Amino acid sequence: MGLMQRILAALIALAVFAAALVFASIALGVILAIALIAWAWLTWRGRKLQGRSGVVVEGEYREYRDGQEVRRIVHEQTTERRDPP
């Protein structure tokens, strides 16, 4: 192989490496953007679940929607909700 062929091979190898690096960077950016959107959506949907754990001691629970009572639960025993370890 002549010197010109080696130089050309090295330039082609560098171009292929640069193209692979650009593709990998774009793919990583897309994957991170999708993960961020999924995390934000799950956080938004899960905000209703915060504050629902605790202890109820002979209490009464009522749920209202649009000013109308839709559910009423009376606890006669002490119940404790435990989160799994």
PDB file of N, CA and C in Angstrom:
ATOM      1  N   MET A   1       0.837  -1.181   0.000  1.00  0.00           N
ATOM      2  CA  MET A   1       0.000   0.000   0.000  1.00  0.00           C
ATOM      3  C   MET A   1       0.880   1.242   0.000  1.00  0.00           C
ATOM      4  N   GLY A   2       0.459   2.167  -0.771  1.00  0.00           N
ATOM      5  CA  GLY A   2       1.219   3.398  -0.848  1.00  0.00           C
ATOM      6  C   GLY A   2       0.817   4.360   0.259  1.00  0.00           C
ATOM      7  N   LEU A   3       1.597   5.376   0.343  1.00  0.00           N
ATOM      8  CA  LEU A   3       1.360   6.388   1.367  1.00  0.00           C
ATOM      9  C   LEU A   3       0.020   7.079   1.175  1.00  0.00           C
ATOM     10  N   MET A   4      -0.339   7.330  -0.073  1.00  0.00           N
ATOM     11  CA  MET A   4      -1.602   8.016  -0.373  1.00  0.00           C
ATOM     12  C   MET A   4      -2.804   7.170   0.069  1.00  0.00           C
ATOM     13  N   GLN A   5      -2.720   5.856  -0.105  1.00  0.00           N
ATOM     14  CA  GLN A   5      -3.810   4.974   0.304  1.00  0.00           C
ATOM     15  C   GLN A   5      -3.952   4.935   1.825  1.00  0.00           C
ATOM     16  N   ARG A   6      -2.861   4.953   2.532  1.00  0.00           N
ATOM     17  CA  ARG A   6      -2.903   4.958   4.003  1.00  0.00           C
ATOM     18  C   ARG A   6      -3.518   6.255   4.534  1.00  0.00           C
ATOM     19  N   ILE A   7      -3.145   7.358   3.936  1.00  0.00           N
ATOM     20  CA  ILE A   7      -3.707   8.644   4.353  1.00  0.00           C
ATOM     21  C   ILE A   7      -5.206   8.680   4.071  1.00  0.00           C
ATOM     22  N   LEU A   8      -5.596   8.204   2.888  1.00  0.00           N
ATOM     23  CA  LEU A   8      -7.016   8.163   2.530  1.00  0.00           C
ATOM     24  C   LEU A   8      -7.788   7.229   3.459  1.00  0.00           C
ATOM     25  N   ALA A   9      -7.221   6.085   3.803  1.00  0.00           N
ATOM     26  CA  ALA A   9      -7.872   5.142   4.722  1.00  0.00           C
ATOM     27  C   ALA A   9      -8.043   5.763   6.106  1.00  0.00           C
ATOM     28  N   ALA A  10      -7.022   6.481   6.566  1.00  0.00           N
ATOM     29  CA  ALA A  10      -7.104   7.135   7.871  1.00  0.00           C
ATOM     30  C   ALA A  10      -8.174   8.228   7.863  1.00  0.00           C
ATOM     31  N   LEU A  11      -8.256   9.000   6.781  1.00  0.00           N
ATOM     32  CA  LEU A  11      -9.293  10.039   6.690  1.00  0.00           C
ATOM     33  C   LEU A  11     -10.695   9.437   6.660  1.00  0.00           C
ATOM     34  N   ILE A  12     -10.860   8.352   5.934  1.00  0.00           N
ATOM     35  CA  ILE A  12     -12.173   7.686   5.882  1.00  0.00           C
ATOM     36  C   ILE A  12     -12.526   7.117   7.257  1.00  0.00           C
ATOM     37  N   ALA A  13     -11.549   6.527   7.925  1.00  0.00           N
ATOM     38  CA  ALA A  13     -11.793   5.980   9.269  1.00  0.00           C
ATOM     39  C   ALA A  13     -12.195   7.089  10.237  1.00  0.00           C
ATOM     40  N   LEU A  14     -11.533   8.237  10.160  1.00  0.00           N
ATOM     41  CA  LEU A  14     -11.888   9.364  11.030  1.00  0.00           C
ATOM     42  C   LEU A  14     -13.292   9.886  10.713  1.00  0.00           C
ATOM     43  N   ALA A  15     -13.651   9.924   9.449  1.00  0.00           N
ATOM     44  CA  ALA A  15     -14.983  10.391   9.061  1.00  0.00           C
ATOM     45  C   ALA A  15     -16.063   9.435   9.568  1.00  0.00           C
ATOM     46  N   VAL A  16     -15.818   8.130   9.464  1.00  0.00           N
ATOM     47  CA  VAL A  16     -16.781   7.141   9.956  1.00  0.00           C
ATOM     48  C   VAL A  16     -16.897   7.241  11.478  1.00  0.00           C
ATOM     49  N   PHE A  17     -15.782   7.420  12.154  1.00  0.00           N
ATOM     50  CA  PHE A  17     -15.802   7.560  13.611  1.00  0.00           C
ATOM     51  C   PHE A  17     -16.565   8.818  14.021  1.00  0.00           C
ATOM     52  N   ALA A  18     -16.347   9.909  13.323  1.00  0.00           N
ATOM     53  CA  ALA A  18     -17.054  11.152  13.634  1.00  0.00           C
ATOM     54  C   ALA A  18     -18.556  10.999  13.389  1.00  0.00           C
ATOM     55  N   ALA A  19     -18.931  10.333  12.316  1.00  0.00           N
ATOM     56  CA  ALA A  19     -20.352  10.109  12.025  1.00  0.00           C
ATOM     57  C   ALA A  19     -20.988   9.231  13.098  1.00  0.00           C
ATOM     58  N   ALA A  20     -20.296   8.209  13.551  1.00  0.00           N
ATOM     59  CA  ALA A  20     -20.812   7.344  14.615  1.00  0.00           C
ATOM     60  C   ALA A  20     -20.961   8.120  15.919  1.00  0.00           C
ATOM     61  N   LEU A  21     -20.011   9.000  16.207  1.00  0.00           N
ATOM     62  CA  LEU A  21     -20.082   9.818  17.417  1.00  0.00           C
ATOM     63  C   LEU A  21     -21.278  10.774  17.369  1.00  0.00           C
ATOM     64  N   VAL A  22     -21.514  11.389  16.223  1.00  0.00           N
ATOM     65  CA  VAL A  22     -22.654  12.288  16.069  1.00  0.00           C
ATOM     66  C   VAL A  22     -23.958  11.511  16.233  1.00  0.00           C
ATOM     67  N   PHE A  23     -24.067  10.343  15.581  1.00  0.00           N
ATOM     68  CA  PHE A  23     -25.267   9.529  15.690  1.00  0.00           C
ATOM     69  C   PHE A  23     -25.519   9.109  17.137  1.00  0.00           C
ATOM     70  N   ALA A  24     -24.471   8.677  17.834  1.00  0.00           N
ATOM     71  CA  ALA A  24     -24.620   8.245  19.221  1.00  0.00           C
ATOM     72  C   ALA A  24     -25.049   9.411  20.118  1.00  0.00           C
ATOM     73  N   SER A  25     -24.521  10.588  19.867  1.00  0.00           N
ATOM     74  CA  SER A  25     -24.898  11.760  20.664  1.00  0.00           C
ATOM     75  C   SER A  25     -26.363  12.118  20.457  1.00  0.00           C
ATOM     76  N   ILE A  26     -26.809  12.073  19.211  1.00  0.00           N
ATOM     77  CA  ILE A  26     -28.218  12.374  18.921  1.00  0.00           C
ATOM     78  C   ILE A  26     -29.121  11.313  19.552  1.00  0.00           C
ATOM     79  N   ALA A  27     -28.755  10.043  19.424  1.00  0.00           N
ATOM     80  CA  ALA A  27     -29.558   8.965  20.010  1.00  0.00           C
ATOM     81  C   ALA A  27     -29.632   9.112  21.528  1.00  0.00           C
ATOM     82  N   LEU A  28     -28.526   9.445  22.171  1.00  0.00           N
ATOM     83  CA  LEU A  28     -28.523   9.645  23.613  1.00  0.00           C
ATOM     84  C   LEU A  28     -29.419  10.816  24.006  1.00  0.00           C
ATOM     85  N   GLY A  29     -29.360  11.896  23.255  1.00  0.00           N
ATOM     86  CA  GLY A  29     -30.214  13.046  23.532  1.00  0.00           C
ATOM     87  C   GLY A  29     -31.690  12.706  23.411  1.00  0.00           C
ATOM     88  N   VAL A  30     -32.053  11.939  22.391  1.00  0.00           N
ATOM     89  CA  VAL A  30     -33.453  11.544  22.213  1.00  0.00           C
ATOM     90  C   VAL A  30     -33.903  10.636  23.361  1.00  0.00           C
ATOM     91  N   ILE A  31     -33.071   9.692  23.728  1.00  0.00           N
ATOM     92  CA  ILE A  31     -33.413   8.785  24.826  1.00  0.00           C
ATOM     93  C   ILE A  31     -33.566   9.556  26.131  1.00  0.00           C
ATOM     94  N   LEU A  32     -32.673  10.490  26.412  1.00  0.00           N
ATOM     95  CA  LEU A  32     -32.789  11.293  27.626  1.00  0.00           C
ATOM     96  C   LEU A  32     -34.034  12.173  27.612  1.00  0.00           C
ATOM     97  N   ALA A  33     -34.391  12.722  26.470  1.00  0.00           N
ATOM     98  CA  ALA A  33     -35.597  13.542  26.373  1.00  0.00           C
ATOM     99  C   ALA A  33     -36.842  12.702  26.629  1.00  0.00           C
ATOM    100  N   ILE A  34     -36.894  11.506  26.064  1.00  0.00           N
ATOM    101  CA  ILE A  34     -38.038  10.622  26.305  1.00  0.00           C
ATOM    102  C   ILE A  34     -38.115  10.226  27.775  1.00  0.00           C
ATOM    103  N   ALA A  35     -36.976   9.932  28.390  1.00  0.00           N
ATOM    104  CA  ALA A  35     -36.957   9.575  29.808  1.00  0.00           C
ATOM    105  C   ALA A  35     -37.413  10.745  30.668  1.00  0.00           C
ATOM    106  N   LEU A  36     -37.000  11.954  30.331  1.00  0.00           N
ATOM    107  CA  LEU A  36     -37.419  13.132  31.094  1.00  0.00           C
ATOM    108  C   LEU A  36     -38.926  13.356  30.973  1.00  0.00           C
ATOM    109  N   ILE A  37     -39.463  13.190  29.785  1.00  0.00           N
ATOM    110  CA  ILE A  37     -40.906  13.350  29.584  1.00  0.00           C
ATOM    111  C   ILE A  37     -41.670  12.282  30.358  1.00  0.00           C
ATOM    112  N   ALA A  38     -41.197  11.036  30.327  1.00  0.00           N
ATOM    113  CA  ALA A  38     -41.851   9.959  31.071  1.00  0.00           C
ATOM    114  C   ALA A  38     -41.798  10.224  32.570  1.00  0.00           C
ATOM    115  N   TRP A  39     -40.650  10.674  33.072  1.00  0.00           N
ATOM    116  CA  TRP A  39     -40.532  10.984  34.501  1.00  0.00           C
ATOM    117  C   TRP A  39     -41.477  12.114  34.896  1.00  0.00           C
ATOM    118  N   ALA A  40     -41.552  13.159  34.089  1.00  0.00           N
ATOM    119  CA  ALA A  40     -42.437  14.282  34.395  1.00  0.00           C
ATOM    120  C   ALA A  40     -43.897  13.844  34.383  1.00  0.00           C
ATOM    121  N   TRP A  41     -44.270  13.000  33.425  1.00  0.00           N
ATOM    122  CA  TRP A  41     -45.649  12.526  33.345  1.00  0.00           C
ATOM    123  C   TRP A  41     -45.992  11.670  34.556  1.00  0.00           C
ATOM    124  N   LEU A  42     -45.091  10.759  34.946  1.00  0.00           N
ATOM    125  CA  LEU A  42     -45.339   9.917  36.117  1.00  0.00           C
ATOM    126  C   LEU A  42     -45.407  10.744  37.396  1.00  0.00           C
ATOM    127  N   THR A  43     -44.565  11.753  37.512  1.00  0.00           N
ATOM    128  CA  THR A  43     -44.612  12.630  38.678  1.00  0.00           C
ATOM    129  C   THR A  43     -45.927  13.395  38.717  1.00  0.00           C
ATOM    130  N   TRP A  44     -46.367  13.880  37.576  1.00  0.00           N
ATOM    131  CA  TRP A  44     -47.626  14.624  37.496  1.00  0.00           C
ATOM    132  C   TRP A  44     -48.808  13.729  37.864  1.00  0.00           C
ATOM    133  N   ARG A  45     -48.808  12.495  37.366  1.00  0.00           N
ATOM    134  CA  ARG A  45     -49.900  11.568  37.660  1.00  0.00           C
ATOM    135  C   ARG A  45     -49.845  11.087  39.105  1.00  0.00           C
ATOM    136  N   GLY A  46     -48.666  10.998  39.696  1.00  0.00           N
ATOM    137  CA  GLY A  46     -48.517  10.474  41.049  1.00  0.00           C
ATOM    138  C   GLY A  46     -48.699  11.490  42.150  1.00  0.00           C
ATOM    139  N   ARG A  47     -48.889  12.753  41.789  1.00  0.00           N
ATOM    140  CA  ARG A  47     -49.014  13.769  42.834  1.00  0.00           C
ATOM    141  C   ARG A  47     -50.282  13.580  43.653  1.00  0.00           C
ATOM    142  N   LYS A  48     -51.293  12.934  43.093  1.00  0.00           N
ATOM    143  CA  LYS A  48     -52.527  12.684  43.828  1.00  0.00           C
ATOM    144  C   LYS A  48     -52.330  11.655  44.931  1.00  0.00           C
ATOM    145  N   LEU A  49     -51.319  10.801  44.786  1.00  0.00           N
ATOM    146  CA  LEU A  49     -51.098   9.738  45.754  1.00  0.00           C
ATOM    147  C   LEU A  49     -50.336  10.207  46.988  1.00  0.00           C
ATOM    148  N   GLN A  50     -49.748  11.384  46.931  1.00  0.00           N
ATOM    149  CA  GLN A  50     -48.974  11.880  48.068  1.00  0.00           C
ATOM    150  C   GLN A  50     -49.914  12.244  49.209  1.00  0.00           C
ATOM    151  N   GLY A  51     -49.538  11.852  50.408  1.00  0.00           N
ATOM    152  CA  GLY A  51     -50.320  12.214  51.575  1.00  0.00           C
ATOM    153  C   GLY A  51     -51.481  11.280  51.851  1.00  0.00           C
ATOM    154  N   ARG A  52     -51.573  10.157  51.173  1.00  0.00           N
ATOM    155  CA  ARG A  52     -52.679   9.234  51.417  1.00  0.00           C
ATOM    156  C   ARG A  52     -52.333   8.163  52.445  1.00  0.00           C
ATOM    157  N   SER A  53     -51.140   8.143  52.943  1.00  0.00           N
ATOM    158  CA  SER A  53     -50.789   7.146  53.950  1.00  0.00           C
ATOM    159  C   SER A  53     -50.908   7.774  55.327  1.00  0.00           C
ATOM    160  N   GLY A  54     -51.129   6.936  56.329  1.00  0.00           N
ATOM    161  CA  GLY A  54     -51.235   7.450  57.680  1.00  0.00           C
ATOM    162  C   GLY A  54     -52.074   6.536  58.539  1.00  0.00           C
ATOM    163  N   VAL A  55     -52.446   7.033  59.696  1.00  0.00           N
ATOM    164  CA  VAL A  55     -53.212   6.264  60.672  1.00  0.00           C
ATOM    165  C   VAL A  55     -54.593   6.884  60.794  1.00  0.00           C
ATOM    166  N   VAL A  56     -55.608   6.030  60.787  1.00  0.00           N
ATOM    167  CA  VAL A  56     -56.982   6.478  60.997  1.00  0.00           C
ATOM    168  C   VAL A  56     -57.477   5.811  62.261  1.00  0.00           C
ATOM    169  N   VAL A  57     -57.912   6.612  63.220  1.00  0.00           N
ATOM    170  CA  VAL A  57     -58.397   6.074  64.480  1.00  0.00           C
ATOM    171  C   VAL A  57     -59.865   6.432  64.606  1.00  0.00           C
ATOM    172  N   GLU A  58     -60.722   5.435  64.462  1.00  0.00           N
ATOM    173  CA  GLU A  58     -62.161   5.596  64.583  1.00  0.00           C
ATOM    174  C   GLU A  58     -62.637   6.899  63.942  1.00  0.00           C
ATOM    175  N   GLY A  59     -62.334   7.024  62.718  1.00  0.00           N
ATOM    176  CA  GLY A  59     -62.671   8.255  62.026  1.00  0.00           C
ATOM    177  C   GLY A  59     -63.731   8.046  60.972  1.00  0.00           C
ATOM    178  N   GLU A  60     -64.028   9.118  60.310  1.00  0.00           N
ATOM    179  CA  GLU A  60     -65.015   9.086  59.249  1.00  0.00           C
ATOM    180  C   GLU A  60     -64.397   9.748  58.036  1.00  0.00           C
ATOM    181  N   TYR A  61     -64.605   9.153  56.914  1.00  0.00           N
ATOM    182  CA  TYR A  61     -64.007   9.655  55.682  1.00  0.00           C
ATOM    183  C   TYR A  61     -65.130   9.932  54.703  1.00  0.00           C
ATOM    184  N   ARG A  62     -65.147  11.126  54.178  1.00  0.00           N
ATOM    185  CA  ARG A  62     -66.156  11.501  53.192  1.00  0.00           C
ATOM    186  C   ARG A  62     -65.457  12.085  51.975  1.00  0.00           C
ATOM    187  N   GLU A  63     -65.969  11.725  50.818  1.00  0.00           N
ATOM    188  CA  GLU A  63     -65.416  12.252  49.577  1.00  0.00           C
ATOM    189  C   GLU A  63     -66.507  13.031  48.860  1.00  0.00           C
ATOM    190  N   TYR A  64     -66.160  14.254  48.463  1.00  0.00           N
ATOM    191  CA  TYR A  64     -67.112  15.125  47.784  1.00  0.00           C
ATOM    192  C   TYR A  64     -66.623  15.426  46.375  1.00  0.00           C
ATOM    193  N   ARG A  65     -67.557  15.438  45.453  1.00  0.00           N
ATOM    194  CA  ARG A  65     -67.280  15.885  44.094  1.00  0.00           C
ATOM    195  C   ARG A  65     -68.395  16.814  43.672  1.00  0.00           C
ATOM    196  N   ASP A  66     -68.017  17.981  43.227  1.00  0.00           N
ATOM    197  CA  ASP A  66     -68.982  19.002  42.804  1.00  0.00           C
ATOM    198  C   ASP A  66     -70.006  19.306  43.890  1.00  0.00           C
ATOM    199  N   GLY A  67     -69.558  19.316  45.135  1.00  0.00           N
ATOM    200  CA  GLY A  67     -70.439  19.658  46.242  1.00  0.00           C
ATOM    201  C   GLY A  67     -71.347  18.530  46.680  1.00  0.00           C
ATOM    202  N   GLN A  68     -71.283  17.377  46.071  1.00  0.00           N
ATOM    203  CA  GLN A  68     -72.136  16.240  46.415  1.00  0.00           C
ATOM    204  C   GLN A  68     -71.281  15.162  47.081  1.00  0.00           C
ATOM    205  N   GLU A  69     -71.805  14.580  48.140  1.00  0.00           N
ATOM    206  CA  GLU A  69     -71.100  13.494  48.806  1.00  0.00           C
ATOM    207  C   GLU A  69     -71.243  12.231  47.968  1.00  0.00           C
ATOM    208  N   VAL A  70     -70.100  11.656  47.592  1.00  0.00           N
ATOM    209  CA  VAL A  70     -70.147  10.461  46.751  1.00  0.00           C
ATOM    210  C   VAL A  70     -69.756   9.193  47.509  1.00  0.00           C
ATOM    211  N   ARG A  71     -69.066   9.354  48.637  1.00  0.00           N
ATOM    212  CA  ARG A  71     -68.658   8.174  49.389  1.00  0.00           C
ATOM    213  C   ARG A  71     -68.475   8.550  50.852  1.00  0.00           C
ATOM    214  N   ARG A  72     -68.914   7.661  51.724  1.00  0.00           N
ATOM    215  CA  ARG A  72     -68.744   7.879  53.156  1.00  0.00           C
ATOM    216  C   ARG A  72     -68.292   6.562  53.766  1.00  0.00           C
ATOM    217  N   ILE A  73     -67.182   6.599  54.467  1.00  0.00           N
ATOM    218  CA  ILE A  73     -66.634   5.396  55.089  1.00  0.00           C
ATOM    219  C   ILE A  73     -66.414   5.695  56.570  1.00  0.00           C
ATOM    220  N   VAL A  74     -66.927   4.833  57.419  1.00  0.00           N
ATOM    221  CA  VAL A  74     -66.759   4.978  58.857  1.00  0.00           C
ATOM    222  C   VAL A  74     -65.840   3.867  59.329  1.00  0.00           C
ATOM    223  N   HIS A  75     -64.736   4.254  59.965  1.00  0.00           N
ATOM    224  CA  HIS A  75     -63.780   3.285  60.501  1.00  0.00           C
ATOM    225  C   HIS A  75     -64.101   3.070  61.970  1.00  0.00           C
ATOM    226  N   GLU A  76     -64.335   1.811  62.313  1.00  0.00           N
ATOM    227  CA  GLU A  76     -64.657   1.510  63.704  1.00  0.00           C
ATOM    228  C   GLU A  76     -63.462   0.951  64.453  1.00  0.00           C
ATOM    229  N   GLN A  77     -62.437   0.551  63.749  1.00  0.00           N
ATOM    230  CA  GLN A  77     -61.235   0.026  64.375  1.00  0.00           C
ATOM    231  C   GLN A  77     -60.054   0.872  63.959  1.00  0.00           C
ATOM    232  N   THR A  78     -59.000   0.780  64.745  1.00  0.00           N
ATOM    233  CA  THR A  78     -57.769   1.472  64.386  1.00  0.00           C
ATOM    234  C   THR A  78     -57.112   0.716  63.249  1.00  0.00           C
ATOM    235  N   THR A  79     -56.874   1.415  62.168  1.00  0.00           N
ATOM    236  CA  THR A  79     -56.196   0.794  61.036  1.00  0.00           C
ATOM    237  C   THR A  79     -54.943   1.596  60.741  1.00  0.00           C
ATOM    238  N   GLU A  80     -53.908   0.904  60.382  1.00  0.00           N
ATOM    239  CA  GLU A  80     -52.655   1.579  60.057  1.00  0.00           C
ATOM    240  C   GLU A  80     -52.197   1.074  58.711  1.00  0.00           C
ATOM    241  N   ARG A  81     -51.907   2.001  57.835  1.00  0.00           N
ATOM    242  CA  ARG A  81     -51.410   1.643  56.516  1.00  0.00           C
ATOM    243  C   ARG A  81     -49.901   1.689  56.561  1.00  0.00           C
ATOM    244  N   ARG A  82     -49.294   0.591  56.235  1.00  0.00           N
ATOM    245  CA  ARG A  82     -47.831   0.525  56.238  1.00  0.00           C
ATOM    246  C   ARG A  82     -47.317   0.404  54.840  1.00  0.00           C
ATOM    247  N   ASP A  83     -46.312   1.197  54.536  1.00  0.00           N
ATOM    248  CA  ASP A  83     -45.670   1.093  53.239  1.00  0.00           C
ATOM    249  C   ASP A  83     -44.703  -0.060  53.252  1.00  0.00           C
ATOM    250  N   PRO A  84     -44.589  -0.790  52.151  1.00  0.00           N
ATOM    251  CA  PRO A  84     -43.637  -1.925  52.132  1.00  0.00           C
ATOM    252  C   PRO A  84     -42.209  -1.430  52.267  1.00  0.00           C
ATOM    253  N   PRO A  85     -41.362  -2.243  52.874  1.00  0.00           N
ATOM    254  CA  PRO A  85     -39.957  -1.823  53.090  1.00  0.00           C
ATOM    255  C   PRO A  85     -39.176  -1.733  51.817  1.00  0.00           C
TER     256      PRO A  85
END
